Amino acid sequence: MKEVEAVIHALSFLSQEKAISIWESKNFFIELDPLPGAVEAVKQMANLADTDVFICTSPIKKYRYCPYEKYAWVEKHFGPEFLEQIVLTRDKTVVSADLLIDDRPDITGEGGAA
């Protein structure tokens, strides 16, 4: 049984290493496609009265191109006017907002990320 657990652990580690090598590869973020309808929805929200829309994103710690590529991605898909609306932070819970749409379910704004 311990051999099976060791194999599962090794495979899990290899899968994790492969995933890391993919998202640390140059141009990974720039080449990502936005979700269908997402750009239009964000632009519509930005045009609402009394509404400020920001793009809050977390950089990958060990990938030196990540911040640049995230800014380049926003400029490519939303235009240069959105560059001033980027908040780059490792802890999204420090951002005060009425609404945060995030792909991580553990970001709740209640005591920080898990």
PDB file of N, CA and C in Angstrom:
ATOM      1  N   MET A   1       0.820  -1.199   0.000  1.00  0.00           N
ATOM      2  CA  MET A   1       0.000   0.000   0.000  1.00  0.00           C
ATOM      3  C   MET A   1       0.863   1.262   0.000  1.00  0.00           C
ATOM      4  N   LYS A   2       1.958   1.247   0.737  1.00  0.00           N
ATOM      5  CA  LYS A   2       2.842   2.413   0.769  1.00  0.00           C
ATOM      6  C   LYS A   2       3.450   2.670  -0.596  1.00  0.00           C
ATOM      7  N   GLU A   3       3.686   1.612  -1.379  1.00  0.00           N
ATOM      8  CA  GLU A   3       4.235   1.786  -2.724  1.00  0.00           C
ATOM      9  C   GLU A   3       3.244   2.534  -3.606  1.00  0.00           C
ATOM     10  N   VAL A   4       1.967   2.186  -3.499  1.00  0.00           N
ATOM     11  CA  VAL A   4       0.922   2.851  -4.283  1.00  0.00           C
ATOM     12  C   VAL A   4       0.849   4.326  -3.893  1.00  0.00           C
ATOM     13  N   GLU A   5       0.887   4.592  -2.598  1.00  0.00           N
ATOM     14  CA  GLU A   5       0.855   5.976  -2.130  1.00  0.00           C
ATOM     15  C   GLU A   5       2.061   6.755  -2.642  1.00  0.00           C
ATOM     16  N   ALA A   6       3.221   6.107  -2.665  1.00  0.00           N
ATOM     17  CA  ALA A   6       4.432   6.764  -3.159  1.00  0.00           C
ATOM     18  C   ALA A   6       4.312   7.082  -4.644  1.00  0.00           C
ATOM     19  N   VAL A   7       3.745   6.160  -5.419  1.00  0.00           N
ATOM     20  CA  VAL A   7       3.551   6.385  -6.856  1.00  0.00           C
ATOM     21  C   VAL A   7       2.563   7.524  -7.078  1.00  0.00           C
ATOM     22  N   ILE A   8       1.462   7.506  -6.340  1.00  0.00           N
ATOM     23  CA  ILE A   8       0.456   8.573  -6.460  1.00  0.00           C
ATOM     24  C   ILE A   8       1.081   9.920  -6.104  1.00  0.00           C
ATOM     25  N   HIS A   9       1.874   9.956  -5.042  1.00  0.00           N
ATOM     26  CA  HIS A   9       2.534  11.199  -4.639  1.00  0.00           C
ATOM     27  C   HIS A   9       3.496  11.678  -5.727  1.00  0.00           C
ATOM     28  N   ALA A  10       4.265  10.744  -6.298  1.00  0.00           N
ATOM     29  CA  ALA A  10       5.224  11.098  -7.353  1.00  0.00           C
ATOM     30  C   ALA A  10       4.508  11.633  -8.582  1.00  0.00           C
ATOM     31  N   LEU A  11       3.406  10.982  -8.976  1.00  0.00           N
ATOM     32  CA  LEU A  11       2.638  11.443 -10.136  1.00  0.00           C
ATOM     33  C   LEU A  11       2.035  12.813  -9.871  1.00  0.00           C
ATOM     34  N   SER A  12       1.538  12.998  -8.664  1.00  0.00           N
ATOM     35  CA  SER A  12       0.961  14.289  -8.301  1.00  0.00           C
ATOM     36  C   SER A  12       2.027  15.381  -8.376  1.00  0.00           C
ATOM     37  N   PHE A  13       3.223  15.087  -7.875  1.00  0.00           N
ATOM     38  CA  PHE A  13       4.324  16.046  -7.916  1.00  0.00           C
ATOM     39  C   PHE A  13       4.709  16.357  -9.353  1.00  0.00           C
ATOM     40  N   LEU A  14       4.791  15.318 -10.211  1.00  0.00           N
ATOM     41  CA  LEU A  14       5.143  15.529 -11.615  1.00  0.00           C
ATOM     42  C   LEU A  14       4.089  16.367 -12.323  1.00  0.00           C
ATOM     43  N   SER A  15       2.819  16.105 -12.034  1.00  0.00           N
ATOM     44  CA  SER A  15       1.737  16.894 -12.634  1.00  0.00           C
ATOM     45  C   SER A  15       1.828  18.345 -12.188  1.00  0.00           C
ATOM     46  N   GLN A  16       2.118  18.544 -10.925  1.00  0.00           N
ATOM     47  CA  GLN A  16       2.251  19.904 -10.398  1.00  0.00           C
ATOM     48  C   GLN A  16       3.434  20.607 -11.053  1.00  0.00           C
ATOM     49  N   GLU A  17       4.558  19.906 -11.186  1.00  0.00           N
ATOM     50  CA  GLU A  17       5.734  20.488 -11.830  1.00  0.00           C
ATOM     51  C   GLU A  17       5.439  20.859 -13.282  1.00  0.00           C
ATOM     52  N   LYS A  18       4.702  20.002 -13.990  1.00  0.00           N
ATOM     53  CA  LYS A  18       4.347  20.277 -15.383  1.00  0.00           C
ATOM     54  C   LYS A  18       3.462  21.519 -15.459  1.00  0.00           C
ATOM     55  N   ALA A  19       2.472  21.594 -14.579  1.00  0.00           N
ATOM     56  CA  ALA A  19       1.579  22.760 -14.565  1.00  0.00           C
ATOM     57  C   ALA A  19       2.371  24.040 -14.304  1.00  0.00           C
ATOM     58  N   ILE A  20       3.281  23.997 -13.346  1.00  0.00           N
ATOM     59  CA  ILE A  20       4.095  25.171 -13.034  1.00  0.00           C
ATOM     60  C   ILE A  20       4.936  25.570 -14.237  1.00  0.00           C
ATOM     61  N   SER A  21       5.519  24.588 -14.917  1.00  0.00           N
ATOM     62  CA  SER A  21       6.356  24.908 -16.083  1.00  0.00           C
ATOM     63  C   SER A  21       5.531  25.549 -17.194  1.00  0.00           C
ATOM     64  N   ILE A  22       4.257  25.198 -17.281  1.00  0.00           N
ATOM     65  CA  ILE A  22       3.386  25.787 -18.307  1.00  0.00           C
ATOM     66  C   ILE A  22       3.094  27.245 -17.972  1.00  0.00           C
ATOM     67  N   TRP A  23       2.631  27.527 -16.749  1.00  0.00           N
ATOM     68  CA  TRP A  23       2.262  28.916 -16.464  1.00  0.00           C
ATOM     69  C   TRP A  23       3.459  29.812 -16.168  1.00  0.00           C
ATOM     70  N   GLU A  24       4.646  29.230 -16.056  1.00  0.00           N
ATOM     71  CA  GLU A  24       5.849  30.053 -15.952  1.00  0.00           C
ATOM     72  C   GLU A  24       6.537  30.233 -17.305  1.00  0.00           C
ATOM     73  N   SER A  25       5.948  29.676 -18.364  1.00  0.00           N
ATOM     74  CA  SER A  25       6.546  29.820 -19.694  1.00  0.00           C
ATOM     75  C   SER A  25       6.248  31.216 -20.241  1.00  0.00           C
ATOM     76  N   LYS A  26       7.221  31.762 -20.964  1.00  0.00           N
ATOM     77  CA  LYS A  26       7.095  33.121 -21.486  1.00  0.00           C
ATOM     78  C   LYS A  26       5.862  33.238 -22.379  1.00  0.00           C
ATOM     79  N   ASN A  27       5.146  34.331 -22.235  1.00  0.00           N
ATOM     80  CA  ASN A  27       3.929  34.672 -22.991  1.00  0.00           C
ATOM     81  C   ASN A  27       2.696  33.883 -22.575  1.00  0.00           C
ATOM     82  N   PHE A  28       2.777  33.117 -21.494  1.00  0.00           N
ATOM     83  CA  PHE A  28       1.611  32.340 -21.060  1.00  0.00           C
ATOM     84  C   PHE A  28       0.407  33.246 -20.836  1.00  0.00           C
ATOM     85  N   PHE A  29       0.581  34.312 -20.071  1.00  0.00           N
ATOM     86  CA  PHE A  29      -0.553  35.182 -19.753  1.00  0.00           C
ATOM     87  C   PHE A  29      -1.009  35.993 -20.953  1.00  0.00           C
ATOM     88  N   ILE A  30      -0.078  36.478 -21.745  1.00  0.00           N
ATOM     89  CA  ILE A  30      -0.433  37.289 -22.908  1.00  0.00           C
ATOM     90  C   ILE A  30      -1.286  36.495 -23.892  1.00  0.00           C
ATOM     91  N   GLU A  31      -1.013  35.205 -24.016  1.00  0.00           N
ATOM     92  CA  GLU A  31      -1.707  34.381 -25.006  1.00  0.00           C
ATOM     93  C   GLU A  31      -3.022  33.790 -24.514  1.00  0.00           C
ATOM     94  N   LEU A  32      -3.380  34.011 -23.256  1.00  0.00           N
ATOM     95  CA  LEU A  32      -4.656  33.503 -22.753  1.00  0.00           C
ATOM     96  C   LEU A  32      -5.816  34.248 -23.407  1.00  0.00           C
ATOM     97  N   ASP A  33      -6.838  33.510 -23.781  1.00  0.00           N
ATOM     98  CA  ASP A  33      -8.048  34.128 -24.321  1.00  0.00           C
ATOM     99  C   ASP A  33      -8.992  34.468 -23.174  1.00  0.00           C
ATOM    100  N   PRO A  34      -9.663  35.605 -23.242  1.00  0.00           N
ATOM    101  CA  PRO A  34     -10.663  35.913 -22.213  1.00  0.00           C
ATOM    102  C   PRO A  34     -11.861  34.982 -22.362  1.00  0.00           C
ATOM    103  N   LEU A  35     -12.588  34.807 -21.284  1.00  0.00           N
ATOM    104  CA  LEU A  35     -13.812  34.010 -21.349  1.00  0.00           C
ATOM    105  C   LEU A  35     -14.802  34.704 -22.275  1.00  0.00           C
ATOM    106  N   PRO A  36     -15.583  33.940 -23.016  1.00  0.00           N
ATOM    107  CA  PRO A  36     -16.565  34.550 -23.926  1.00  0.00           C
ATOM    108  C   PRO A  36     -17.501  35.505 -23.173  1.00  0.00           C
ATOM    109  N   GLY A  37     -17.621  36.702 -23.668  1.00  0.00           N
ATOM    110  CA  GLY A  37     -18.517  37.700 -23.084  1.00  0.00           C
ATOM    111  C   GLY A  37     -17.925  38.482 -21.923  1.00  0.00           C
ATOM    112  N   ALA A  38     -16.760  38.067 -21.421  1.00  0.00           N
ATOM    113  CA  ALA A  38     -16.194  38.711 -20.231  1.00  0.00           C
ATOM    114  C   ALA A  38     -15.759  40.149 -20.496  1.00  0.00           C
ATOM    115  N   VAL A  39     -15.081  40.387 -21.598  1.00  0.00           N
ATOM    116  CA  VAL A  39     -14.601  41.741 -21.903  1.00  0.00           C
ATOM    117  C   VAL A  39     -15.782  42.693 -22.052  1.00  0.00           C
ATOM    118  N   GLU A  40     -16.786  42.255 -22.774  1.00  0.00           N
ATOM    119  CA  GLU A  40     -17.973  43.089 -22.976  1.00  0.00           C
ATOM    120  C   GLU A  40     -18.671  43.373 -21.651  1.00  0.00           C
ATOM    121  N   ALA A  41     -18.770  42.359 -20.786  1.00  0.00           N
ATOM    122  CA  ALA A  41     -19.438  42.535 -19.493  1.00  0.00           C
ATOM    123  C   ALA A  41     -18.686  43.531 -18.615  1.00  0.00           C
ATOM    124  N   VAL A  42     -17.368  43.427 -18.579  1.00  0.00           N
ATOM    125  CA  VAL A  42     -16.569  44.353 -17.769  1.00  0.00           C
ATOM    126  C   VAL A  42     -16.707  45.776 -18.305  1.00  0.00           C
ATOM    127  N   LYS A  43     -16.676  45.934 -19.617  1.00  0.00           N
ATOM    128  CA  LYS A  43     -16.824  47.273 -20.204  1.00  0.00           C
ATOM    129  C   LYS A  43     -18.208  47.848 -19.923  1.00  0.00           C
ATOM    130  N   GLN A  44     -19.240  47.010 -19.932  1.00  0.00           N
ATOM    131  CA  GLN A  44     -20.583  47.482 -19.599  1.00  0.00           C
ATOM    132  C   GLN A  44     -20.643  47.932 -18.142  1.00  0.00           C
ATOM    133  N   MET A  45     -20.034  47.149 -17.243  1.00  0.00           N
ATOM    134  CA  MET A  45     -20.007  47.540 -15.830  1.00  0.00           C
ATOM    135  C   MET A  45     -19.266  48.857 -15.653  1.00  0.00           C
ATOM    136  N   ALA A  46     -18.173  49.035 -16.384  1.00  0.00           N
ATOM    137  CA  ALA A  46     -17.372  50.260 -16.274  1.00  0.00           C
ATOM    138  C   ALA A  46     -18.152  51.483 -16.731  1.00  0.00           C
ATOM    139  N   ASN A  47     -19.142  51.291 -17.590  1.00  0.00           N
ATOM    140  CA  ASN A  47     -19.954  52.402 -18.090  1.00  0.00           C
ATOM    141  C   ASN A  47     -21.154  52.718 -17.204  1.00  0.00           C
ATOM    142  N   LEU A  48     -21.381  51.940 -16.152  1.00  0.00           N
ATOM    143  CA  LEU A  48     -22.492  52.202 -15.245  1.00  0.00           C
ATOM    144  C   LEU A  48     -22.202  53.444 -14.407  1.00  0.00           C
ATOM    145  N   ALA A  49     -23.245  54.195 -14.114  1.00  0.00           N
ATOM    146  CA  ALA A  49     -23.093  55.391 -13.279  1.00  0.00           C
ATOM    147  C   ALA A  49     -22.656  54.995 -11.869  1.00  0.00           C
ATOM    148  N   ASP A  50     -21.810  55.809 -11.279  1.00  0.00           N
ATOM    149  CA  ASP A  50     -21.348  55.603  -9.903  1.00  0.00           C
ATOM    150  C   ASP A  50     -20.702  54.234  -9.681  1.00  0.00           C
ATOM    151  N   THR A  51     -20.031  53.729 -10.694  1.00  0.00           N
ATOM    152  CA  THR A  51     -19.388  52.415 -10.599  1.00  0.00           C
ATOM    153  C   THR A  51     -17.931  52.519 -11.029  1.00  0.00           C
ATOM    154  N   ASP A  52     -17.051  52.070 -10.167  1.00  0.00           N
ATOM    155  CA  ASP A  52     -15.631  51.986 -10.494  1.00  0.00           C
ATOM    156  C   ASP A  52     -15.278  50.515 -10.639  1.00  0.00           C
ATOM    157  N   VAL A  53     -14.708  50.162 -11.754  1.00  0.00           N
ATOM    158  CA  VAL A  53     -14.327  48.775 -12.018  1.00  0.00           C
ATOM    159  C   VAL A  53     -12.807  48.681 -12.039  1.00  0.00           C
ATOM    160  N   PHE A  54     -12.299  47.750 -11.271  1.00  0.00           N
ATOM    161  CA  PHE A  54     -10.865  47.487 -11.232  1.00  0.00           C
ATOM    162  C   PHE A  54     -10.619  46.027 -11.574  1.00  0.00           C
ATOM    163  N   ILE A  55      -9.474  45.760 -12.137  1.00  0.00           N
ATOM    164  CA  ILE A  55      -9.050  44.388 -12.404  1.00  0.00           C
ATOM    165  C   ILE A  55      -8.002  44.064 -11.355  1.00  0.00           C
ATOM    166  N   CYS A  56      -8.361  43.183 -10.438  1.00  0.00           N
ATOM    167  CA  CYS A  56      -7.490  42.804  -9.336  1.00  0.00           C
ATOM    168  C   CYS A  56      -6.899  41.430  -9.655  1.00  0.00           C
ATOM    169  N   THR A  57      -5.586  41.344  -9.695  1.00  0.00           N
ATOM    170  CA  THR A  57      -4.939  40.101 -10.089  1.00  0.00           C
ATOM    171  C   THR A  57      -3.723  39.827  -9.215  1.00  0.00           C
ATOM    172  N   SER A  58      -3.423  38.557  -9.039  1.00  0.00           N
ATOM    173  CA  SER A  58      -2.272  38.139  -8.234  1.00  0.00           C
ATOM    174  C   SER A  58      -1.134  37.688  -9.136  1.00  0.00           C
ATOM    175  N   PRO A  59       0.069  38.176  -8.869  1.00  0.00           N
ATOM    176  CA  PRO A  59       1.212  37.720  -9.665  1.00  0.00           C
ATOM    177  C   PRO A  59       1.724  36.372  -9.162  1.00  0.00           C
ATOM    178  N   ILE A  60       2.309  35.610 -10.053  1.00  0.00           N
ATOM    179  CA  ILE A  60       2.984  34.379  -9.652  1.00  0.00           C
ATOM    180  C   ILE A  60       4.341  34.784  -9.089  1.00  0.00           C
ATOM    181  N   LYS A  61       4.692  34.273  -7.935  1.00  0.00           N
ATOM    182  CA  LYS A  61       5.901  34.711  -7.225  1.00  0.00           C
ATOM    183  C   LYS A  61       7.187  34.542  -8.023  1.00  0.00           C
ATOM    184  N   LYS A  62       7.389  33.392  -8.628  1.00  0.00           N
ATOM    185  CA  LYS A  62       8.690  33.084  -9.218  1.00  0.00           C
ATOM    186  C   LYS A  62       8.787  33.382 -10.708  1.00  0.00           C
ATOM    187  N   TYR A  63       7.742  33.934 -11.305  1.00  0.00           N
ATOM    188  CA  TYR A  63       7.766  34.184 -12.744  1.00  0.00           C
ATOM    189  C   TYR A  63       7.942  35.671 -12.988  1.00  0.00           C
ATOM    190  N   ARG A  64       9.122  36.072 -13.428  1.00  0.00           N
ATOM    191  CA  ARG A  64       9.451  37.495 -13.512  1.00  0.00           C
ATOM    192  C   ARG A  64       8.663  38.252 -14.566  1.00  0.00           C
ATOM    193  N   TYR A  65       8.118  37.572 -15.576  1.00  0.00           N
ATOM    194  CA  TYR A  65       7.360  38.252 -16.628  1.00  0.00           C
ATOM    195  C   TYR A  65       5.877  38.405 -16.285  1.00  0.00           C
ATOM    196  N   CYS A  66       5.445  37.781 -15.218  1.00  0.00           N
ATOM    197  CA  CYS A  66       4.017  37.761 -14.885  1.00  0.00           C
ATOM    198  C   CYS A  66       3.393  39.159 -14.799  1.00  0.00           C
ATOM    199  N   PRO A  67       3.925  40.083 -14.006  1.00  0.00           N
ATOM    200  CA  PRO A  67       3.285  41.408 -13.943  1.00  0.00           C
ATOM    201  C   PRO A  67       3.215  42.096 -15.308  1.00  0.00           C
ATOM    202  N   TYR A  68       4.316  42.086 -16.045  1.00  0.00           N
ATOM    203  CA  TYR A  68       4.319  42.709 -17.374  1.00  0.00           C
ATOM    204  C   TYR A  68       3.265  42.073 -18.269  1.00  0.00           C
ATOM    205  N   GLU A  69       3.223  40.738 -18.294  1.00  0.00           N
ATOM    206  CA  GLU A  69       2.285  40.052 -19.179  1.00  0.00           C
ATOM    207  C   GLU A  69       0.838  40.305 -18.786  1.00  0.00           C
ATOM    208  N   LYS A  70       0.567  40.417 -17.495  1.00  0.00           N
ATOM    209  CA  LYS A  70      -0.808  40.698 -17.075  1.00  0.00           C
ATOM    210  C   LYS A  70      -1.229  42.104 -17.506  1.00  0.00           C
ATOM    211  N   TYR A  71      -0.327  43.069 -17.377  1.00  0.00           N
ATOM    212  CA  TYR A  71      -0.624  44.426 -17.857  1.00  0.00           C
ATOM    213  C   TYR A  71      -0.806  44.432 -19.377  1.00  0.00           C
ATOM    214  N   ALA A  72       0.058  43.712 -20.088  1.00  0.00           N
ATOM    215  CA  ALA A  72      -0.044  43.644 -21.555  1.00  0.00           C
ATOM    216  C   ALA A  72      -1.348  42.985 -21.975  1.00  0.00           C
ATOM    217  N   TRP A  73      -1.790  41.972 -21.233  1.00  0.00           N
ATOM    218  CA  TRP A  73      -3.047  41.281 -21.543  1.00  0.00           C
ATOM    219  C   TRP A  73      -4.225  42.246 -21.380  1.00  0.00           C
ATOM    220  N   VAL A  74      -4.231  42.987 -20.286  1.00  0.00           N
ATOM    221  CA  VAL A  74      -5.316  43.951 -20.052  1.00  0.00           C
ATOM    222  C   VAL A  74      -5.341  44.989 -21.166  1.00  0.00           C
ATOM    223  N   GLU A  75      -4.185  45.512 -21.531  1.00  0.00           N
ATOM    224  CA  GLU A  75      -4.133  46.508 -22.609  1.00  0.00           C
ATOM    225  C   GLU A  75      -4.629  45.914 -23.923  1.00  0.00           C
ATOM    226  N   LYS A  76      -4.258  44.688 -24.213  1.00  0.00           N
ATOM    227  CA  LYS A  76      -4.654  44.016 -25.457  1.00  0.00           C
ATOM    228  C   LYS A  76      -6.164  43.827 -25.539  1.00  0.00           C
ATOM    229  N   HIS A  77      -6.787  43.418 -24.437  1.00  0.00           N
ATOM    230  CA  HIS A  77      -8.208  43.065 -24.474  1.00  0.00           C
ATOM    231  C   HIS A  77      -9.145  44.191 -24.035  1.00  0.00           C
ATOM    232  N   PHE A  78      -8.675  45.098 -23.175  1.00  0.00           N
ATOM    233  CA  PHE A  78      -9.542  46.155 -22.656  1.00  0.00           C
ATOM    234  C   PHE A  78      -9.149  47.546 -23.129  1.00  0.00           C
ATOM    235  N   GLY A  79      -7.931  47.684 -23.633  1.00  0.00           N
ATOM    236  CA  GLY A  79      -7.456  48.984 -24.085  1.00  0.00           C
ATOM    237  C   GLY A  79      -6.588  49.653 -23.039  1.00  0.00           C
ATOM    238  N   PRO A  80      -5.803  50.650 -23.476  1.00  0.00           N
ATOM    239  CA  PRO A  80      -4.861  51.309 -22.560  1.00  0.00           C
ATOM    240  C   PRO A  80      -5.532  52.047 -21.404  1.00  0.00           C
ATOM    241  N   GLU A  81      -6.783  52.462 -21.582  1.00  0.00           N
ATOM    242  CA  GLU A  81      -7.466  53.183 -20.501  1.00  0.00           C
ATOM    243  C   GLU A  81      -7.668  52.305 -19.265  1.00  0.00           C
ATOM    244  N   PHE A  82      -7.674  50.995 -19.430  1.00  0.00           N
ATOM    245  CA  PHE A  82      -7.869  50.093 -18.293  1.00  0.00           C
ATOM    246  C   PHE A  82      -6.580  49.838 -17.516  1.00  0.00           C
ATOM    247  N   LEU A  83      -5.431  50.255 -18.044  1.00  0.00           N
ATOM    248  CA  LEU A  83      -4.168  50.019 -17.342  1.00  0.00           C
ATOM    249  C   LEU A  83      -4.146  50.702 -15.977  1.00  0.00           C
ATOM    250  N   GLU A  84      -4.840  51.830 -15.861  1.00  0.00           N
ATOM    251  CA  GLU A  84      -4.906  52.531 -14.577  1.00  0.00           C
ATOM    252  C   GLU A  84      -5.883  51.876 -13.611  1.00  0.00           C
ATOM    253  N   GLN A  85      -6.591  50.861 -14.076  1.00  0.00           N
ATOM    254  CA  GLN A  85      -7.587  50.186 -13.250  1.00  0.00           C
ATOM    255  C   GLN A  85      -7.087  48.830 -12.737  1.00  0.00           C
ATOM    256  N   ILE A  86      -5.793  48.576 -12.856  1.00  0.00           N
ATOM    257  CA  ILE A  86      -5.237  47.297 -12.411  1.00  0.00           C
ATOM    258  C   ILE A  86      -4.735  47.418 -10.977  1.00  0.00           C
ATOM    259  N   VAL A  87      -5.096  46.434 -10.162  1.00  0.00           N
ATOM    260  CA  VAL A  87      -4.562  46.296  -8.811  1.00  0.00           C
ATOM    261  C   VAL A  87      -3.831  44.958  -8.788  1.00  0.00           C
ATOM    262  N   LEU A  88      -2.524  45.006  -8.584  1.00  0.00           N
ATOM    263  CA  LEU A  88      -1.697  43.804  -8.562  1.00  0.00           C
ATOM    264  C   LEU A  88      -1.312  43.536  -7.112  1.00  0.00           C
ATOM    265  N   THR A  89      -1.819  42.442  -6.545  1.00  0.00           N
ATOM    266  CA  THR A  89      -1.568  42.148  -5.136  1.00  0.00           C
ATOM    267  C   THR A  89      -1.588  40.648  -4.891  1.00  0.00           C
ATOM    268  N   ARG A  90      -0.787  40.179  -3.953  1.00  0.00           N
ATOM    269  CA  ARG A  90      -0.795  38.766  -3.575  1.00  0.00           C
ATOM    270  C   ARG A  90      -2.000  38.469  -2.684  1.00  0.00           C
ATOM    271  N   ASP A  91      -2.558  39.479  -2.027  1.00  0.00           N
ATOM    272  CA  ASP A  91      -3.678  39.284  -1.105  1.00  0.00           C
ATOM    273  C   ASP A  91      -4.853  40.156  -1.540  1.00  0.00           C
ATOM    274  N   LYS A  92      -5.800  39.562  -2.225  1.00  0.00           N
ATOM    275  CA  LYS A  92      -6.945  40.326  -2.735  1.00  0.00           C
ATOM    276  C   LYS A  92      -7.883  40.789  -1.632  1.00  0.00           C
ATOM    277  N   THR A  93      -7.753  40.212  -0.440  1.00  0.00           N
ATOM    278  CA  THR A  93      -8.639  40.623   0.645  1.00  0.00           C
ATOM    279  C   THR A  93      -8.309  42.018   1.165  1.00  0.00           C
ATOM    280  N   VAL A  94      -7.166  42.587   0.789  1.00  0.00           N
ATOM    281  CA  VAL A  94      -6.832  43.946   1.230  1.00  0.00           C
ATOM    282  C   VAL A  94      -7.516  45.003   0.369  1.00  0.00           C
ATOM    283  N   VAL A  95      -8.126  44.583  -0.719  1.00  0.00           N
ATOM    284  CA  VAL A  95      -8.814  45.505  -1.621  1.00  0.00           C
ATOM    285  C   VAL A  95     -10.247  45.676  -1.137  1.00  0.00           C
ATOM    286  N   SER A  96     -10.629  46.913  -0.873  1.00  0.00           N
ATOM    287  CA  SER A  96     -11.981  47.210  -0.420  1.00  0.00           C
ATOM    288  C   SER A  96     -12.892  47.358  -1.635  1.00  0.00           C
ATOM    289  N   ALA A  97     -13.942  46.544  -1.682  1.00  0.00           N
ATOM    290  CA  ALA A  97     -14.852  46.584  -2.830  1.00  0.00           C
ATOM    291  C   ALA A  97     -16.236  46.116  -2.415  1.00  0.00           C
ATOM    292  N   ASP A  98     -17.221  46.505  -3.200  1.00  0.00           N
ATOM    293  CA  ASP A  98     -18.575  46.013  -2.986  1.00  0.00           C
ATOM    294  C   ASP A  98     -18.749  44.620  -3.575  1.00  0.00           C
ATOM    295  N   LEU A  99     -17.959  44.319  -4.614  1.00  0.00           N
ATOM    296  CA  LEU A  99     -18.093  43.036  -5.303  1.00  0.00           C
ATOM    297  C   LEU A  99     -16.736  42.616  -5.842  1.00  0.00           C
ATOM    298  N   LEU A 100     -16.377  41.348  -5.627  1.00  0.00           N
ATOM    299  CA  LEU A 100     -15.163  40.773  -6.187  1.00  0.00           C
ATOM    300  C   LEU A 100     -15.543  39.483  -6.897  1.00  0.00           C
ATOM    301  N   ILE A 101     -15.267  39.425  -8.177  1.00  0.00           N
ATOM    302  CA  ILE A 101     -15.498  38.208  -8.955  1.00  0.00           C
ATOM    303  C   ILE A 101     -14.144  37.538  -9.092  1.00  0.00           C
ATOM    304  N   ASP A 102     -14.016  36.323  -8.588  1.00  0.00           N
ATOM    305  CA  ASP A 102     -12.716  35.663  -8.563  1.00  0.00           C
ATOM    306  C   ASP A 102     -12.857  34.191  -8.931  1.00  0.00           C
ATOM    307  N   ASP A 103     -11.770  33.629  -9.471  1.00  0.00           N
ATOM    308  CA  ASP A 103     -11.776  32.214  -9.829  1.00  0.00           C
ATOM    309  C   ASP A 103     -11.332  31.328  -8.666  1.00  0.00           C
ATOM    310  N   ARG A 104     -10.990  31.926  -7.547  1.00  0.00           N
ATOM    311  CA  ARG A 104     -10.599  31.150  -6.366  1.00  0.00           C
ATOM    312  C   ARG A 104     -11.711  31.222  -5.329  1.00  0.00           C
ATOM    313  N   PRO A 105     -12.309  30.089  -4.997  1.00  0.00           N
ATOM    314  CA  PRO A 105     -13.415  30.099  -4.035  1.00  0.00           C
ATOM    315  C   PRO A 105     -12.988  30.436  -2.610  1.00  0.00           C
ATOM    316  N   ASP A 106     -11.692  30.354  -2.295  1.00  0.00           N
ATOM    317  CA  ASP A 106     -11.249  30.650  -0.937  1.00  0.00           C
ATOM    318  C   ASP A 106     -11.004  32.140  -0.702  1.00  0.00           C
ATOM    319  N   ILE A 107     -11.189  32.967  -1.721  1.00  0.00           N
ATOM    320  CA  ILE A 107     -11.079  34.418  -1.550  1.00  0.00           C
ATOM    321  C   ILE A 107     -12.462  34.924  -1.149  1.00  0.00           C
ATOM    322  N   THR A 108     -12.632  35.188   0.146  1.00  0.00           N
ATOM    323  CA  THR A 108     -13.943  35.597   0.641  1.00  0.00           C
ATOM    324  C   THR A 108     -13.939  37.000   1.232  1.00  0.00           C
ATOM    325  N   GLY A 109     -12.748  37.546   1.494  1.00  0.00           N
ATOM    326  CA  GLY A 109     -12.671  38.851   2.134  1.00  0.00           C
ATOM    327  C   GLY A 109     -12.868  38.777   3.630  1.00  0.00           C
ATOM    328  N   GLU A 110     -12.973  37.565   4.152  1.00  0.00           N
ATOM    329  CA  GLU A 110     -13.185  37.366   5.583  1.00  0.00           C
ATOM    330  C   GLU A 110     -11.940  36.736   6.196  1.00  0.00           C
ATOM    331  N   GLY A 111     -11.005  37.566   6.629  1.00  0.00           N
ATOM    332  CA  GLY A 111      -9.821  37.051   7.296  1.00  0.00           C
ATOM    333  C   GLY A 111      -8.721  36.585   6.377  1.00  0.00           C
ATOM    334  N   GLY A 112      -8.761  36.924   5.113  1.00  0.00           N
ATOM    335  CA  GLY A 112      -7.690  36.566   4.189  1.00  0.00           C
ATOM    336  C   GLY A 112      -7.924  35.254   3.492  1.00  0.00           C
ATOM    337  N   ALA A 113      -7.050  34.950   2.558  1.00  0.00           N
ATOM    338  CA  ALA A 113      -7.152  33.717   1.776  1.00  0.00           C
ATOM    339  C   ALA A 113      -6.724  32.532   2.619  1.00  0.00           C
ATOM    340  N   ALA A 114      -7.304  31.403   2.307  1.00  0.00           N
ATOM    341  CA  ALA A 114      -6.966  30.163   3.024  1.00  0.00           C
ATOM    342  C   ALA A 114      -5.623  29.638   2.588  1.00  0.00           C
TER     343      ALA A 114
END
